[in-house]
């Protein structure tokens, strides 16, 4: 991911991030053979998926509902994401 301009987190080696030109961030979280991409910028998420699909065999499961046994809840009106 370093070749794509991403920085590996100092706190968790499974987390990569990149600051976008809009000053927002995109995060790539990896765990064994699972991947979660998070950003406010949808076009950046789509662009990363295309880049990765050239390098990896992957299946897009669309919007995540669960990750690592945790349920992902979104409140679009309040702009919040929480894990339970």
PDB file of N, CA and C in Angstrom:
ATOM      1  N   UNK A   1       0.825  -1.206   0.000  1.00  0.00           N
ATOM      2  CA  UNK A   1       0.000   0.000   0.000  1.00  0.00           C
ATOM      3  C   UNK A   1       0.860   1.257   0.000  1.00  0.00           C
ATOM      4  N   UNK A   2       2.090   1.103   0.454  1.00  0.00           N
ATOM      5  CA  UNK A   2       2.981   2.260   0.450  1.00  0.00           C
ATOM      6  C   UNK A   2       3.165   2.817  -0.960  1.00  0.00           C
ATOM      7  N   UNK A   3       3.154   1.941  -1.966  1.00  0.00           N
ATOM      8  CA  UNK A   3       3.289   2.365  -3.354  1.00  0.00           C
ATOM      9  C   UNK A   3       2.106   3.168  -3.858  1.00  0.00           C
ATOM     10  N   UNK A   4       0.987   3.091  -3.163  1.00  0.00           N
ATOM     11  CA  UNK A   4      -0.218   3.842  -3.542  1.00  0.00           C
ATOM     12  C   UNK A   4      -0.377   5.110  -2.706  1.00  0.00           C
ATOM     13  N   UNK A   5       0.632   5.445  -1.911  1.00  0.00           N
ATOM     14  CA  UNK A   5       0.578   6.674  -1.119  1.00  0.00           C
ATOM     15  C   UNK A   5      -0.058   6.512   0.246  1.00  0.00           C
ATOM     16  N   UNK A   6      -0.229   5.276   0.699  1.00  0.00           N
ATOM     17  CA  UNK A   6      -0.831   5.028   2.005  1.00  0.00           C
ATOM     18  C   UNK A   6       0.253   4.895   3.065  1.00  0.00           C
ATOM     19  N   UNK A   7      -0.088   5.280   4.275  1.00  0.00           N
ATOM     20  CA  UNK A   7       0.810   5.174   5.414  1.00  0.00           C
ATOM     21  C   UNK A   7       0.274   4.108   6.355  1.00  0.00           C
ATOM     22  N   UNK A   8       1.157   3.265   6.842  1.00  0.00           N
ATOM     23  CA  UNK A   8       0.754   2.233   7.801  1.00  0.00           C
ATOM     24  C   UNK A   8       0.663   2.870   9.182  1.00  0.00           C
ATOM     25  N   UNK A   9      -0.406   2.587   9.893  1.00  0.00           N
ATOM     26  CA  UNK A   9      -0.615   3.139  11.223  1.00  0.00           C
ATOM     27  C   UNK A   9       0.480   2.670  12.188  1.00  0.00           C
ATOM     28  N   UNK A  10       0.929   3.567  13.023  1.00  0.00           N
ATOM     29  CA  UNK A  10       1.895   3.210  14.065  1.00  0.00           C
ATOM     30  C   UNK A  10       1.237   2.422  15.187  1.00  0.00           C
ATOM     31  N   UNK A  11      -0.081   2.520  15.287  1.00  0.00           N
ATOM     32  CA  UNK A  11      -0.816   1.906  16.396  1.00  0.00           C
ATOM     33  C   UNK A  11      -1.379   0.537  16.058  1.00  0.00           C
ATOM     34  N   UNK A  12      -1.643   0.297  14.778  1.00  0.00           N
ATOM     35  CA  UNK A  12      -2.191  -0.983  14.353  1.00  0.00           C
ATOM     36  C   UNK A  12      -1.656  -1.305  12.965  1.00  0.00           C
ATOM     37  N   UNK A  13      -0.856  -2.363  12.837  1.00  0.00           N
ATOM     38  CA  UNK A  13      -0.253  -2.667  11.540  1.00  0.00           C
ATOM     39  C   UNK A  13      -1.244  -3.118  10.471  1.00  0.00           C
ATOM     40  N   UNK A  14      -2.496  -3.320  10.834  1.00  0.00           N
ATOM     41  CA  UNK A  14      -3.523  -3.726   9.869  1.00  0.00           C
ATOM     42  C   UNK A  14      -4.274  -2.525   9.292  1.00  0.00           C
ATOM     43  N   UNK A  15      -3.896  -1.314   9.701  1.00  0.00           N
ATOM     44  CA  UNK A  15      -4.598  -0.102   9.267  1.00  0.00           C
ATOM     45  C   UNK A  15      -3.657   0.761   8.424  1.00  0.00           C
ATOM     46  N   UNK A  16      -4.153   1.128   7.247  1.00  0.00           N
ATOM     47  CA  UNK A  16      -3.442   2.041   6.360  1.00  0.00           C
ATOM     48  C   UNK A  16      -4.346   3.238   6.114  1.00  0.00           C
ATOM     49  N   UNK A  17      -3.738   4.406   5.900  1.00  0.00           N
ATOM     50  CA  UNK A  17      -4.544   5.604   5.652  1.00  0.00           C
ATOM     51  C   UNK A  17      -3.808   6.524   4.692  1.00  0.00           C
ATOM     52  N   UNK A  18      -4.596   7.417   4.075  1.00  0.00           N
ATOM     53  CA  UNK A  18      -4.041   8.409   3.153  1.00  0.00           C
ATOM     54  C   UNK A  18      -4.891   9.652   3.237  1.00  0.00           C
ATOM     55  N   UNK A  19      -4.238  10.797   3.309  1.00  0.00           N
ATOM     56  CA  UNK A  19      -4.956  12.072   3.304  1.00  0.00           C
ATOM     57  C   UNK A  19      -5.269  12.433   1.854  1.00  0.00           C
ATOM     58  N   UNK A  20      -6.519  12.735   1.598  1.00  0.00           N
ATOM     59  CA  UNK A  20      -6.973  13.073   0.257  1.00  0.00           C
ATOM     60  C   UNK A  20      -6.764  14.566  -0.001  1.00  0.00           C
ATOM     61  N   UNK A  21      -6.749  14.990  -1.261  1.00  0.00           N
ATOM     62  CA  UNK A  21      -6.587  16.417  -1.570  1.00  0.00           C
ATOM     63  C   UNK A  21      -7.645  17.303  -0.892  1.00  0.00           C
ATOM     64  N   UNK A  22      -8.807  16.729  -0.604  1.00  0.00           N
ATOM     65  CA  UNK A  22      -9.894  17.485   0.043  1.00  0.00           C
ATOM     66  C   UNK A  22      -9.687  17.604   1.553  1.00  0.00           C
ATOM     67  N   UNK A  23      -8.543  17.138   2.063  1.00  0.00           N
ATOM     68  CA  UNK A  23      -8.202  17.118   3.497  1.00  0.00           C
ATOM     69  C   UNK A  23      -8.969  16.053   4.271  1.00  0.00           C
ATOM     70  N   UNK A  24      -9.771  15.244   3.590  1.00  0.00           N
ATOM     71  CA  UNK A  24     -10.412  14.101   4.226  1.00  0.00           C
ATOM     72  C   UNK A  24      -9.435  12.932   4.163  1.00  0.00           C
ATOM     73  N   UNK A  25      -9.779  11.842   4.834  1.00  0.00           N
ATOM     74  CA  UNK A  25      -8.929  10.663   4.856  1.00  0.00           C
ATOM     75  C   UNK A  25      -9.657   9.461   4.286  1.00  0.00           C
ATOM     76  N   UNK A  26      -8.880   8.512   3.783  1.00  0.00           N
ATOM     77  CA  UNK A  26      -9.409   7.213   3.395  1.00  0.00           C
ATOM     78  C   UNK A  26      -8.617   6.181   4.190  1.00  0.00           C
ATOM     79  N   UNK A  27      -9.332   5.206   4.723  1.00  0.00           N
ATOM     80  CA  UNK A  27      -8.725   4.176   5.566  1.00  0.00           C
ATOM     81  C   UNK A  27      -8.928   2.809   4.930  1.00  0.00           C
ATOM     82  N   UNK A  28      -7.901   2.006   4.993  1.00  0.00           N
ATOM     83  CA  UNK A  28      -7.957   0.627   4.524  1.00  0.00           C
ATOM     84  C   UNK A  28      -7.598  -0.244   5.719  1.00  0.00           C
ATOM     85  N   UNK A  29      -8.543  -1.081   6.133  1.00  0.00           N
ATOM     86  CA  UNK A  29      -8.336  -1.956   7.283  1.00  0.00           C
ATOM     87  C   UNK A  29      -8.283  -3.389   6.786  1.00  0.00           C
ATOM     88  N   UNK A  30      -7.220  -4.096   7.132  1.00  0.00           N
ATOM     89  CA  UNK A  30      -7.002  -5.457   6.663  1.00  0.00           C
ATOM     90  C   UNK A  30      -6.959  -6.415   7.838  1.00  0.00           C
ATOM     91  N   UNK A  31      -7.579  -7.571   7.665  1.00  0.00           N
ATOM     92  CA  UNK A  31      -7.508  -8.617   8.677  1.00  0.00           C
ATOM     93  C   UNK A  31      -7.609  -9.960   7.968  1.00  0.00           C
ATOM     94  N   UNK A  32      -6.512 -10.704   7.937  1.00  0.00           N
ATOM     95  CA  UNK A  32      -6.394 -11.981   7.250  1.00  0.00           C
ATOM     96  C   UNK A  32      -6.854 -11.805   5.797  1.00  0.00           C
ATOM     97  N   UNK A  33      -8.039 -12.291   5.437  1.00  0.00           N
ATOM     98  CA  UNK A  33      -8.499 -12.137   4.054  1.00  0.00           C
ATOM     99  C   UNK A  33      -9.717 -11.222   3.955  1.00  0.00           C
ATOM    100  N   UNK A  34      -9.917 -10.376   4.959  1.00  0.00           N
ATOM    101  CA  UNK A  34     -11.009  -9.399   4.937  1.00  0.00           C
ATOM    102  C   UNK A  34     -10.437  -7.997   4.806  1.00  0.00           C
ATOM    103  N   UNK A  35     -11.193  -7.136   4.165  1.00  0.00           N
ATOM    104  CA  UNK A  35     -10.765  -5.769   3.933  1.00  0.00           C
ATOM    105  C   UNK A  35     -11.961  -4.848   4.118  1.00  0.00           C
ATOM    106  N   UNK A  36     -11.740  -3.719   4.765  1.00  0.00           N
ATOM    107  CA  UNK A  36     -12.779  -2.710   4.936  1.00  0.00           C
ATOM    108  C   UNK A  36     -12.183  -1.383   4.520  1.00  0.00           C
ATOM    109  N   UNK A  37     -12.887  -0.650   3.674  1.00  0.00           N
ATOM    110  CA  UNK A  37     -12.439   0.662   3.215  1.00  0.00           C
ATOM    111  C   UNK A  37     -13.431   1.684   3.761  1.00  0.00           C
ATOM    112  N   UNK A  38     -12.904   2.751   4.369  1.00  0.00           N
ATOM    113  CA  UNK A  38     -13.776   3.768   4.959  1.00  0.00           C
ATOM    114  C   UNK A  38     -13.298   5.165   4.576  1.00  0.00           C
ATOM    115  N   UNK A  39     -14.247   5.999   4.174  1.00  0.00           N
ATOM    116  CA  UNK A  39     -13.962   7.393   3.851  1.00  0.00           C
ATOM    117  C   UNK A  39     -15.287   8.119   3.655  1.00  0.00           C
ATOM    118  N   UNK A  40     -15.270   9.423   3.847  1.00  0.00           N
ATOM    119  CA  UNK A  40     -16.450  10.228   3.516  1.00  0.00           C
ATOM    120  C   UNK A  40     -16.553  10.414   2.007  1.00  0.00           C
ATOM    121  N   UNK A  41     -15.446  10.218   1.305  1.00  0.00           N
ATOM    122  CA  UNK A  41     -15.362  10.464  -0.127  1.00  0.00           C
ATOM    123  C   UNK A  41     -15.611   9.170  -0.901  1.00  0.00           C
ATOM    124  N   UNK A  42     -16.814   9.001  -1.400  1.00  0.00           N
ATOM    125  CA  UNK A  42     -17.216   7.770  -2.081  1.00  0.00           C
ATOM    126  C   UNK A  42     -16.400   7.507  -3.342  1.00  0.00           C
ATOM    127  N   UNK A  43     -16.075   8.546  -4.086  1.00  0.00           N
ATOM    128  CA  UNK A  43     -15.312   8.336  -5.319  1.00  0.00           C
ATOM    129  C   UNK A  43     -13.907   7.817  -5.018  1.00  0.00           C
ATOM    130  N   UNK A  44     -13.330   8.209  -3.894  1.00  0.00           N
ATOM    131  CA  UNK A  44     -12.012   7.694  -3.501  1.00  0.00           C
ATOM    132  C   UNK A  44     -12.092   6.220  -3.127  1.00  0.00           C
ATOM    133  N   UNK A  45     -13.188   5.819  -2.504  1.00  0.00           N
ATOM    134  CA  UNK A  45     -13.393   4.405  -2.176  1.00  0.00           C
ATOM    135  C   UNK A  45     -13.478   3.594  -3.468  1.00  0.00           C
ATOM    136  N   UNK A  46     -14.274   4.059  -4.410  1.00  0.00           N
ATOM    137  CA  UNK A  46     -14.433   3.359  -5.685  1.00  0.00           C
ATOM    138  C   UNK A  46     -13.109   3.266  -6.440  1.00  0.00           C
ATOM    139  N   UNK A  47     -12.336   4.343  -6.425  1.00  0.00           N
ATOM    140  CA  UNK A  47     -11.037   4.363  -7.101  1.00  0.00           C
ATOM    141  C   UNK A  47     -10.080   3.348  -6.469  1.00  0.00           C
ATOM    142  N   UNK A  48     -10.059   3.272  -5.142  1.00  0.00           N
ATOM    143  CA  UNK A  48      -9.197   2.311  -4.460  1.00  0.00           C
ATOM    144  C   UNK A  48      -9.618   0.877  -4.779  1.00  0.00           C
ATOM    145  N   UNK A  49     -10.922   0.621  -4.817  1.00  0.00           N
ATOM    146  CA  UNK A  49     -11.403  -0.718  -5.162  1.00  0.00           C
ATOM    147  C   UNK A  49     -10.918  -1.138  -6.546  1.00  0.00           C
ATOM    148  N   UNK A  50     -10.967  -0.228  -7.507  1.00  0.00           N
ATOM    149  CA  UNK A  50     -10.502  -0.531  -8.864  1.00  0.00           C
ATOM    150  C   UNK A  50      -9.005  -0.822  -8.843  1.00  0.00           C
ATOM    151  N   UNK A  51      -8.230   0.013  -8.141  1.00  0.00           N
ATOM    152  CA  UNK A  51      -6.784  -0.202  -8.064  1.00  0.00           C
ATOM    153  C   UNK A  51      -6.471  -1.575  -7.479  1.00  0.00           C
ATOM    154  N   UNK A  52      -7.124  -1.906  -6.381  1.00  0.00           N
ATOM    155  CA  UNK A  52      -6.858  -3.177  -5.709  1.00  0.00           C
ATOM    156  C   UNK A  52      -7.309  -4.374  -6.536  1.00  0.00           C
ATOM    157  N   UNK A  53      -8.388  -4.214  -7.302  1.00  0.00           N
ATOM    158  CA  UNK A  53      -8.889  -5.329  -8.101  1.00  0.00           C
ATOM    159  C   UNK A  53      -7.906  -5.727  -9.199  1.00  0.00           C
ATOM    160  N   UNK A  54      -7.025  -4.812  -9.619  1.00  0.00           N
ATOM    161  CA  UNK A  54      -5.981  -5.154 -10.586  1.00  0.00           C
ATOM    162  C   UNK A  54      -4.889  -5.999  -9.953  1.00  0.00           C
ATOM    163  N   UNK A  55      -4.703  -5.854  -8.646  1.00  0.00           N
ATOM    164  CA  UNK A  55      -3.615  -6.534  -7.951  1.00  0.00           C
ATOM    165  C   UNK A  55      -4.059  -7.765  -7.170  1.00  0.00           C
ATOM    166  N   UNK A  56      -5.325  -7.816  -6.784  1.00  0.00           N
ATOM    167  CA  UNK A  56      -5.833  -8.890  -5.931  1.00  0.00           C
ATOM    168  C   UNK A  56      -7.105  -9.480  -6.507  1.00  0.00           C
ATOM    169  N   UNK A  57      -7.322 -10.740  -6.224  1.00  0.00           N
ATOM    170  CA  UNK A  57      -8.617 -11.334  -6.535  1.00  0.00           C
ATOM    171  C   UNK A  57      -9.533 -10.960  -5.381  1.00  0.00           C
ATOM    172  N   UNK A  58     -10.571 -10.214  -5.667  1.00  0.00           N
ATOM    173  CA  UNK A  58     -11.439  -9.768  -4.588  1.00  0.00           C
ATOM    174  C   UNK A  58     -12.898  -9.761  -5.004  1.00  0.00           C
ATOM    175  N   UNK A  59     -13.750  -9.826  -4.003  1.00  0.00           N
ATOM    176  CA  UNK A  59     -15.191  -9.809  -4.189  1.00  0.00           C
ATOM    177  C   UNK A  59     -15.737  -8.615  -3.416  1.00  0.00           C
ATOM    178  N   UNK A  60     -16.460  -7.742  -4.091  1.00  0.00           N
ATOM    179  CA  UNK A  60     -17.026  -6.560  -3.449  1.00  0.00           C
ATOM    180  C   UNK A  60     -18.357  -6.937  -2.805  1.00  0.00           C
ATOM    181  N   UNK A  61     -18.406  -6.874  -1.488  1.00  0.00           N
ATOM    182  CA  UNK A  61     -19.625  -7.208  -0.752  1.00  0.00           C
ATOM    183  C   UNK A  61     -20.471  -5.974  -0.449  1.00  0.00           C
ATOM    184  N   UNK A  62     -20.106  -4.851  -1.074  1.00  0.00           N
ATOM    185  CA  UNK A  62     -20.815  -3.567  -0.926  1.00  0.00           C
ATOM    186  C   UNK A  62     -20.689  -3.055   0.501  1.00  0.00           C
ATOM    187  N   UNK A  63     -21.704  -2.375   0.978  1.00  0.00           N
ATOM    188  CA  UNK A  63     -21.656  -1.738   2.299  1.00  0.00           C
ATOM    189  C   UNK A  63     -21.580  -2.789   3.405  1.00  0.00           C
ATOM    190  N   UNK A  64     -20.581  -2.632   4.272  1.00  0.00           N
ATOM    191  CA  UNK A  64     -20.370  -3.605   5.350  1.00  0.00           C
ATOM    192  C   UNK A  64     -21.454  -3.502   6.419  1.00  0.00           C
ATOM    193  N   UNK A  65     -21.905  -4.644   6.871  1.00  0.00           N
ATOM    194  CA  UNK A  65     -22.887  -4.726   7.964  1.00  0.00           C
ATOM    195  C   UNK A  65     -22.223  -5.212   9.249  1.00  0.00           C
ATOM    196  N   UNK A  66     -21.167  -6.044   9.085  1.00  0.00           N
ATOM    197  CA  UNK A  66     -20.438  -6.602  10.225  1.00  0.00           C
ATOM    198  C   UNK A  66     -18.959  -6.682   9.876  1.00  0.00           C
ATOM    199  N   UNK A  67     -18.125  -6.563  10.906  1.00  0.00           N
ATOM    200  CA  UNK A  67     -16.686  -6.762  10.742  1.00  0.00           C
ATOM    201  C   UNK A  67     -16.133  -7.314  12.052  1.00  0.00           C
ATOM    202  N   UNK A  68     -15.404  -8.404  11.969  1.00  0.00           N
ATOM    203  CA  UNK A  68     -14.791  -9.037  13.140  1.00  0.00           C
ATOM    204  C   UNK A  68     -15.794  -9.286  14.265  1.00  0.00           C
ATOM    205  N   UNK A  69     -16.995  -9.689  13.905  1.00  0.00           N
ATOM    206  CA  UNK A  69     -18.018 -10.007  14.894  1.00  0.00           C
ATOM    207  C   UNK A  69     -18.758  -8.800  15.447  1.00  0.00           C
ATOM    208  N   UNK A  70     -18.419  -7.602  14.977  1.00  0.00           N
ATOM    209  CA  UNK A  70     -19.085  -6.382  15.443  1.00  0.00           C
ATOM    210  C   UNK A  70     -20.086  -5.911  14.391  1.00  0.00           C
ATOM    211  N   UNK A  71     -21.220  -5.440  14.852  1.00  0.00           N
ATOM    212  CA  UNK A  71     -22.239  -4.904  13.959  1.00  0.00           C
ATOM    213  C   UNK A  71     -21.936  -3.429  13.692  1.00  0.00           C
ATOM    214  N   UNK A  72     -22.012  -3.039  12.432  1.00  0.00           N
ATOM    215  CA  UNK A  72     -21.771  -1.654  12.038  1.00  0.00           C
ATOM    216  C   UNK A  72     -23.122  -0.962  11.885  1.00  0.00           C
ATOM    217  N   UNK A  73     -23.324   0.099  12.651  1.00  0.00           N
ATOM    218  CA  UNK A  73     -24.571   0.863  12.576  1.00  0.00           C
ATOM    219  C   UNK A  73     -24.259   2.260  12.059  1.00  0.00           C
ATOM    220  N   UNK A  74     -25.077   2.734  11.118  1.00  0.00           N
ATOM    221  CA  UNK A  74     -24.886   4.059  10.532  1.00  0.00           C
ATOM    222  C   UNK A  74     -26.107   4.928  10.789  1.00  0.00           C
ATOM    223  N   UNK A  75     -25.855   6.171  11.139  1.00  0.00           N
ATOM    224  CA  UNK A  75     -26.906   7.170  11.246  1.00  0.00           C
ATOM    225  C   UNK A  75     -26.526   8.276  10.273  1.00  0.00           C
ATOM    226  N   UNK A  76     -27.078   8.206   9.079  1.00  0.00           N
ATOM    227  CA  UNK A  76     -26.711   9.142   8.024  1.00  0.00           C
ATOM    228  C   UNK A  76     -27.121  10.560   8.383  1.00  0.00           C
ATOM    229  N   UNK A  77     -28.259  10.722   9.040  1.00  0.00           N
ATOM    230  CA  UNK A  77     -28.746  12.051   9.409  1.00  0.00           C
ATOM    231  C   UNK A  77     -27.761  12.737  10.359  1.00  0.00           C
ATOM    232  N   UNK A  78     -27.282  12.006  11.371  1.00  0.00           N
ATOM    233  CA  UNK A  78     -26.347  12.573  12.350  1.00  0.00           C
ATOM    234  C   UNK A  78     -24.893  12.458  11.901  1.00  0.00           C
ATOM    235  N   UNK A  79     -24.645  11.714  10.816  1.00  0.00           N
ATOM    236  CA  UNK A  79     -23.292  11.551  10.325  1.00  0.00           C
ATOM    237  C   UNK A  79     -22.431  10.714  11.251  1.00  0.00           C
ATOM    238  N   UNK A  80     -23.024   9.667  11.836  1.00  0.00           N
ATOM    239  CA  UNK A  80     -22.308   8.822  12.801  1.00  0.00           C
ATOM    240  C   UNK A  80     -22.236   7.375  12.340  1.00  0.00           C
ATOM    241  N   UNK A  81     -21.147   6.741  12.727  1.00  0.00           N
ATOM    242  CA  UNK A  81     -20.974   5.309  12.531  1.00  0.00           C
ATOM    243  C   UNK A  81     -20.575   4.754  13.885  1.00  0.00           C
ATOM    244  N   UNK A  82     -21.193   3.648  14.275  1.00  0.00           N
ATOM    245  CA  UNK A  82     -20.826   3.039  15.560  1.00  0.00           C
ATOM    246  C   UNK A  82     -20.721   1.526  15.398  1.00  0.00           C
ATOM    247  N   UNK A  83     -19.937   0.925  16.275  1.00  0.00           N
ATOM    248  CA  UNK A  83     -19.748  -0.516  16.301  1.00  0.00           C
ATOM    249  C   UNK A  83     -20.349  -1.063  17.590  1.00  0.00           C
ATOM    250  N   UNK A  84     -21.078  -2.181  17.466  1.00  0.00           N
ATOM    251  CA  UNK A  84     -21.657  -2.794  18.678  1.00  0.00           C
ATOM    252  C   UNK A  84     -21.231  -4.247  18.757  1.00  0.00           C
TER     253      UNK A  84
END
